[in-house]
Amino acid sequence: MRSTMLPVPSGGRDFAGYRNAPPAIAWPGGARLALSIVVNVEEGAELSIGMGDERNEHVYEAVERVDDVPDLCMESHFEYGTRAGWPRIRNALASRSIPATLNANGRALALSPWIAEEAVSDGHEVAAHGWRWERHAHMDEAQERLAIQRSIAAITAAAGAPPVGWHTRSATSARTRDLLVEQGGFLYDSNAYNDDLPYCVDVGGHPHIVLPYAFDTNDMRFQNGGGFVFAEDFTRYCTAAFDRLLAEGASAPRMLSIGLHLRIIGRPARIGGLEAFLDHALAQEGVWFARREDIAHHWRQGLSLPRWTPAHATPDMATTP
């Protein structure tokens, strides 16, 4: 009997993924799990009338909305991240020799370039998180192109090298990935949340790596009713994800992203949750602690793609905050 079900337009969406048959790509050293620590650096890039933006940022804990004048309270909450949060996170990683990826806004690093300098000195990757901490979904092409170029220029100035990874504050525009590939300087992006493994997509005839990110194994859950109250909540949840993926890694590669924010996990009552998780991960065998650029390069190699190199030099754009 012929089905009466009508096909559902996909809109370019991929619901199948690997269908439980991922590529047989072995992580370095025979590891079962690639663990990616992502440190979001957004302080100074939040929307702020005091910095000439069109409005104030509305996302933060215990802060009332102020819409028409500079919001000094909101600004000071973000400033905590660079002043007190970053030193704690930096020490937690450095004391354990764990490499991470800084997911940084261009304007944030233009205001606090020492964070990029310290991160590079510690062996971390500095990737791009946009110019301001803003969504790209409603930008026109000229606006988005300028935001990408300003991000590249600011991060290059602070870190000494252009970023090769990109992650837009949710959500992207329909053209974001095309513009990133057009720039010729991006190895990968993390503008997806749909898998526990990297994957490759065709963008304008070029193979482009996507490293999915995660909002559940993320300290943002300390905010906005996300369910985390105590440091132990973060440790328990991230450890549960880690243990499950490590076990699954016995038969197929797996990747876990842990998302951090300077002003969130960097608080004195929360940093212990990160430290406890890192200590648990370090005590296990079969874990590759990796920067996202290293994961992307390795995945390309596993797919027998040529070694990625930037297509052209970074655009010379103004970086004035």
Protein backbone atom coordinates (compact mmCIF):
# COMPACT_ATOMS: atom_id res chain seq x y z
CA MET A 1 0.00 0.00 0.00
CA ARG A 2 1.37 3.36 -0.98
CA SER A 3 2.14 5.72 1.89
CA THR A 4 0.05 8.86 2.20
CA MET A 5 2.76 10.58 4.25
CA LEU A 6 3.99 13.79 2.67
CA PRO A 7 7.75 14.51 2.62
CA VAL A 8 8.85 17.12 5.14
CA PRO A 9 11.09 19.85 3.69
CA SER A 10 14.47 19.76 5.39
CA GLY A 11 15.50 23.36 4.76
CA GLY A 12 19.03 22.05 4.41
CA ARG A 13 18.91 20.40 7.86
CA ASP A 14 20.65 17.10 8.60
CA PHE A 15 18.74 14.85 10.98
CA ALA A 16 20.74 11.72 10.18
CA GLY A 17 24.31 12.61 11.01
CA TYR A 18 26.51 9.52 11.15
CA ARG A 19 23.56 7.20 11.95
CA ASN A 20 25.66 5.42 14.58
CA ALA A 21 28.41 4.68 12.06
CA PRO A 22 31.00 7.46 12.45
CA PRO A 23 34.33 7.39 10.61
CA ALA A 24 36.90 5.09 12.17
CA ILE A 25 39.15 7.97 13.17
CA ALA A 26 41.49 7.21 16.06
CA TRP A 27 42.36 10.01 18.46
CA PRO A 28 46.07 10.54 19.20
CA GLY A 29 47.60 7.97 21.49
CA GLY A 30 44.62 5.68 21.11
CA ALA A 31 42.45 7.97 23.27
CA ARG A 32 38.75 7.22 23.51
CA LEU A 33 37.63 10.76 24.15
CA ALA A 34 38.70 14.21 22.96
CA LEU A 35 38.02 16.68 25.77
CA SER A 36 37.70 20.32 24.71
CA ILE A 37 37.72 22.99 27.42
CA VAL A 38 36.28 26.25 26.05
CA VAL A 39 36.77 29.49 27.98
CA ASN A 40 34.43 32.22 26.76
CA VAL A 41 35.89 35.74 26.99
CA GLU A 42 33.03 38.21 26.52
CA GLU A 43 33.73 40.90 29.11
CA GLY A 44 33.70 44.33 27.48
CA ALA A 45 31.92 43.03 24.40
CA GLU A 46 28.48 42.92 26.04
CA LEU A 47 26.05 45.53 24.74
CA SER A 48 26.49 48.71 26.73
CA ILE A 49 25.07 52.19 26.23
CA GLY A 50 28.07 53.43 28.17
CA MET A 51 30.30 52.10 25.37
CA GLY A 52 28.17 53.62 22.62
CA ASP A 53 25.97 50.60 21.86
CA GLU A 54 22.31 50.81 20.99
CA ARG A 55 21.16 49.23 24.27
CA ASN A 56 22.39 47.54 27.42
CA GLU A 57 22.93 43.83 27.85
CA HIS A 58 19.94 42.09 29.46
CA VAL A 59 21.49 38.72 30.23
CA TYR A 60 22.90 38.40 33.69
CA GLU A 61 22.02 37.11 37.10
CA ALA A 62 20.25 39.36 39.60
CA VAL A 63 20.43 42.49 37.42
CA GLU A 64 17.37 44.59 36.64
CA ARG A 65 16.93 45.83 33.09
CA VAL A 66 18.13 49.39 32.46
CA ASP A 67 17.21 50.46 28.96
CA ASP A 68 17.89 54.16 28.55
CA VAL A 69 21.05 55.09 30.48
CA PRO A 70 24.41 53.40 31.16
CA ASP A 71 23.98 50.37 33.44
CA LEU A 72 26.96 50.53 35.79
CA CYS A 73 25.73 47.55 37.81
CA MET A 74 25.59 45.27 34.76
CA GLU A 75 28.97 46.49 33.56
CA SER A 76 30.61 45.74 36.91
CA HIS A 77 29.28 42.16 36.86
CA PHE A 78 31.08 41.60 33.55
CA GLU A 79 34.23 43.33 34.82
CA TYR A 80 34.46 40.70 37.55
CA GLY A 81 35.35 38.15 34.89
CA THR A 82 38.59 39.77 33.80
CA ARG A 83 39.57 41.10 37.24
CA ALA A 84 38.97 37.99 39.38
CA GLY A 85 37.55 35.14 37.28
CA TRP A 86 40.27 34.80 34.65
CA PRO A 87 43.14 34.43 37.16
CA ARG A 88 41.31 31.55 38.87
CA ILE A 89 40.49 29.77 35.62
CA ARG A 90 43.97 30.35 34.27
CA ASN A 91 45.52 28.83 37.38
CA ALA A 92 43.15 25.83 37.35
CA LEU A 93 44.26 25.00 33.80
CA ALA A 94 47.94 25.88 34.11
CA SER A 95 48.47 23.96 37.35
CA ARG A 96 47.15 20.85 35.58
CA SER A 97 48.88 21.51 32.23
CA ILE A 98 45.53 21.38 30.40
CA PRO A 99 45.28 23.16 27.03
CA ALA A 100 42.08 25.04 26.26
CA THR A 101 40.45 27.17 23.60
CA LEU A 102 39.58 30.76 24.45
CA ASN A 103 36.37 31.69 22.66
CA ALA A 104 36.92 35.43 22.62
CA ASN A 105 35.05 38.46 21.37
CA GLY A 106 37.22 40.87 19.42
CA ARG A 107 36.15 43.90 21.41
CA ALA A 108 36.80 42.05 24.68
CA LEU A 109 40.42 41.41 23.71
CA ALA A 110 40.86 44.91 22.33
CA LEU A 111 40.04 46.11 25.87
CA SER A 112 41.91 43.37 27.76
CA PRO A 113 44.71 42.21 25.44
CA TRP A 114 46.73 40.75 28.32
CA ILE A 115 44.24 37.86 28.52
CA ALA A 116 45.18 36.77 25.00
CA GLU A 117 48.88 37.27 25.74
CA GLU A 118 48.67 35.13 28.88
CA ALA A 119 46.59 32.49 27.13
CA VAL A 120 49.05 32.15 24.27
CA SER A 121 51.90 31.99 26.76
CA ASP A 122 50.11 29.10 28.48
CA GLY A 123 49.66 27.24 25.19
CA HIS A 124 45.96 27.91 24.67
CA GLU A 125 44.20 28.62 21.37
CA VAL A 126 42.46 31.97 20.89
CA ALA A 127 39.38 31.57 18.68
CA ALA A 128 36.79 34.15 17.61
CA HIS A 129 33.41 34.70 19.26
CA GLY A 130 32.39 37.67 17.15
CA TRP A 131 33.24 41.35 17.53
CA ARG A 132 30.58 42.21 20.10
CA TRP A 133 28.74 39.57 22.16
CA GLU A 134 25.76 39.66 19.85
CA ARG A 135 23.62 37.54 17.58
CA HIS A 136 24.19 37.62 13.84
CA ALA A 137 20.75 36.32 12.87
CA HIS A 138 19.33 39.71 11.85
CA MET A 139 22.48 41.31 10.45
CA ASP A 140 22.62 42.26 6.82
CA GLU A 141 25.58 40.99 4.82
CA ALA A 142 27.65 44.17 5.10
CA GLN A 143 27.19 44.29 8.90
CA GLU A 144 28.13 40.66 9.34
CA ARG A 145 31.11 40.87 7.05
CA LEU A 146 32.44 43.86 9.03
CA ALA A 147 31.85 42.09 12.37
CA ILE A 148 33.88 39.09 11.20
CA GLN A 149 36.71 41.24 9.85
CA ARG A 150 36.91 43.36 13.01
CA SER A 151 37.02 40.19 15.11
CA ILE A 152 39.91 38.79 13.08
CA ALA A 153 41.88 42.03 13.29
CA ALA A 154 41.40 42.51 17.04
CA ILE A 155 42.30 38.93 17.94
CA THR A 156 45.32 39.01 15.66
CA ALA A 157 46.54 42.17 17.37
CA ALA A 158 46.08 40.75 20.88
CA ALA A 159 47.12 37.12 20.33
CA GLY A 160 49.80 37.62 17.69
CA ALA A 161 48.06 35.34 15.20
CA PRO A 162 44.64 35.30 13.52
CA PRO A 163 41.94 32.99 14.88
CA VAL A 164 41.23 29.77 12.97
CA GLY A 165 38.00 28.95 14.80
CA TRP A 166 34.71 30.79 15.11
CA HIS A 167 31.62 30.56 17.31
CA THR A 168 28.77 33.06 17.00
CA ARG A 169 26.68 33.91 20.04
CA SER A 170 23.46 32.11 19.17
CA ALA A 171 22.20 32.59 16.61
CA THR A 172 24.01 32.85 13.29
CA SER A 173 22.62 34.21 10.07
CA ALA A 174 21.96 31.91 7.12
CA ARG A 175 25.17 33.18 5.49
CA THR A 176 27.57 33.08 8.47
CA ARG A 177 29.38 29.89 7.49
CA ASP A 178 29.70 31.04 3.88
CA LEU A 179 31.29 34.30 5.01
CA LEU A 180 33.72 32.49 7.31
CA VAL A 181 34.90 30.24 4.50
CA GLU A 182 35.04 33.21 2.13
CA GLN A 183 37.43 34.94 4.54
CA GLY A 184 39.80 32.03 3.91
CA GLY A 185 41.13 32.05 7.46
CA PHE A 186 38.83 29.69 9.35
CA LEU A 187 39.64 26.03 9.80
CA TYR A 188 36.43 25.31 11.71
CA ASP A 189 33.37 26.78 13.36
CA SER A 190 31.39 25.70 16.42
CA ASN A 191 28.03 27.07 15.28
CA ALA A 192 26.23 23.77 15.90
CA TYR A 193 24.96 21.73 18.83
CA ASN A 194 23.88 18.58 17.02
CA ASP A 195 26.48 15.87 17.69
CA ASP A 196 29.17 14.46 19.97
CA LEU A 197 31.67 14.38 17.12
CA PRO A 198 33.13 16.75 14.54
CA TYR A 199 31.86 16.54 11.00
CA CYS A 200 32.71 17.98 7.62
CA VAL A 201 30.41 20.08 5.44
CA ASP A 202 30.82 21.42 1.92
CA VAL A 203 30.81 25.21 1.83
CA GLY A 204 31.18 26.66 -1.64
CA GLY A 205 33.16 23.64 -2.79
CA HIS A 206 35.49 23.70 0.23
CA PRO A 207 35.53 21.04 2.97
CA HIS A 208 34.87 22.81 6.28
CA ILE A 209 35.02 21.26 9.76
CA VAL A 210 32.25 21.80 12.30
CA LEU A 211 32.99 21.13 15.96
CA PRO A 212 29.65 21.00 17.76
CA TYR A 213 29.45 22.89 21.05
CA ALA A 214 27.25 22.12 24.09
CA PHE A 215 25.00 24.17 26.34
CA ASP A 216 24.37 21.41 28.90
CA THR A 217 27.98 20.78 30.00
CA ASN A 218 28.33 24.50 30.45
CA ASP A 219 28.58 26.83 33.42
CA MET A 220 25.83 29.00 31.91
CA ARG A 221 23.50 26.63 33.72
CA PHE A 222 24.30 28.51 36.92
CA GLN A 223 22.11 31.27 35.44
CA ASN A 224 18.52 31.76 34.35
CA GLY A 225 17.04 28.67 35.99
CA GLY A 226 19.59 26.35 34.40
CA GLY A 227 19.59 23.96 37.34
CA PHE A 228 23.11 24.48 38.74
CA VAL A 229 23.27 26.02 42.21
CA PHE A 230 26.40 24.62 43.83
CA ALA A 231 29.85 23.82 42.46
CA GLU A 232 29.06 20.14 42.95
CA ASP A 233 26.18 20.42 40.44
CA PHE A 234 28.62 21.39 37.71
CA THR A 235 31.04 18.62 38.68
CA ARG A 236 28.39 15.89 38.83
CA TYR A 237 26.76 16.78 35.53
CA CYS A 238 29.97 17.19 33.54
CA THR A 239 31.40 14.03 35.09
CA ALA A 240 28.31 12.06 34.09
CA ALA A 241 28.68 13.22 30.48
CA PHE A 242 32.41 12.53 30.54
CA ASP A 243 32.04 9.01 31.97
CA ARG A 244 29.37 8.06 29.45
CA LEU A 245 31.28 9.32 26.43
CA LEU A 246 34.52 7.77 27.65
CA ALA A 247 32.76 4.40 27.86
CA GLU A 248 31.22 4.82 24.40
CA GLY A 249 34.69 5.70 23.11
CA ALA A 250 35.70 2.06 23.45
CA SER A 251 33.94 1.36 20.14
CA ALA A 252 33.86 4.76 18.39
CA PRO A 253 35.52 8.18 18.83
CA ARG A 254 33.75 10.71 21.03
CA MET A 255 34.21 14.41 21.83
CA LEU A 256 33.07 16.42 24.86
CA SER A 257 32.92 20.22 25.06
CA ILE A 258 32.97 21.92 28.48
CA GLY A 259 31.88 25.57 28.30
CA LEU A 260 33.20 28.11 30.80
CA HIS A 261 32.77 31.85 31.32
CA LEU A 262 35.14 34.10 33.25
CA ARG A 263 32.39 35.83 35.21
CA ILE A 264 30.50 32.61 36.00
CA ILE A 265 32.73 29.65 36.89
CA GLY A 266 35.39 32.11 38.04
CA ARG A 267 33.40 32.89 41.20
CA PRO A 268 34.98 31.59 44.45
CA ALA A 269 32.06 29.28 45.25
CA ARG A 270 32.08 27.75 41.75
CA ILE A 271 35.71 27.33 40.68
CA GLY A 272 36.03 24.21 42.82
CA GLY A 273 33.45 22.53 40.63
CA LEU A 274 35.70 22.96 37.61
CA GLU A 275 38.78 21.84 39.50
CA ALA A 276 37.05 18.68 40.74
CA PHE A 277 35.90 17.81 37.23
CA LEU A 278 39.36 18.36 35.76
CA ASP A 279 40.92 16.17 38.44
CA HIS A 280 38.44 13.40 37.68
CA ALA A 281 39.20 13.60 33.96
CA LEU A 282 42.95 13.61 34.55
CA ALA A 283 42.66 10.45 36.66
CA GLN A 284 41.20 8.45 33.74
CA GLU A 285 43.04 6.78 30.89
CA GLY A 286 42.16 7.30 27.24
CA VAL A 287 41.53 11.07 27.34
CA TRP A 288 42.97 13.56 24.87
CA PHE A 289 42.88 17.10 26.31
CA ALA A 290 42.88 19.14 23.14
CA ARG A 291 42.47 22.61 21.74
CA ARG A 292 39.69 22.84 19.21
CA GLU A 293 42.05 23.70 16.38
CA ASP A 294 43.97 20.48 17.08
CA ILE A 295 40.77 18.44 17.01
CA ALA A 296 39.75 20.03 13.71
CA HIS A 297 43.14 19.40 12.11
CA HIS A 298 43.10 15.80 13.32
CA TRP A 299 39.60 15.20 11.96
CA ARG A 300 40.59 16.53 8.56
CA GLN A 301 43.59 14.22 8.57
CA GLY A 302 41.36 11.28 9.51
CA LEU A 303 39.13 12.09 6.52
CA SER A 304 42.22 12.10 4.27
CA LEU A 305 41.80 15.79 3.54
CA PRO A 306 44.89 17.90 2.83
CA ARG A 307 46.38 19.89 5.67
CA TRP A 308 44.41 23.12 6.06
CA THR A 309 46.21 26.43 5.65
CA PRO A 310 44.79 29.98 5.55
CA ALA A 311 43.91 31.09 2.04
CA HIS A 312 45.02 34.70 2.43
CA ALA A 313 46.18 37.32 4.91
CA THR A 314 44.00 38.89 7.55
CA PRO A 315 42.08 42.00 6.41
CA ASP A 316 43.40 45.27 7.81
CA MET A 317 40.40 46.56 9.75
CA ALA A 318 40.04 49.11 12.53
CA THR A 319 39.84 47.63 16.04
CA THR A 320 38.73 50.67 18.01
CA PRO A 321 36.39 49.42 20.79
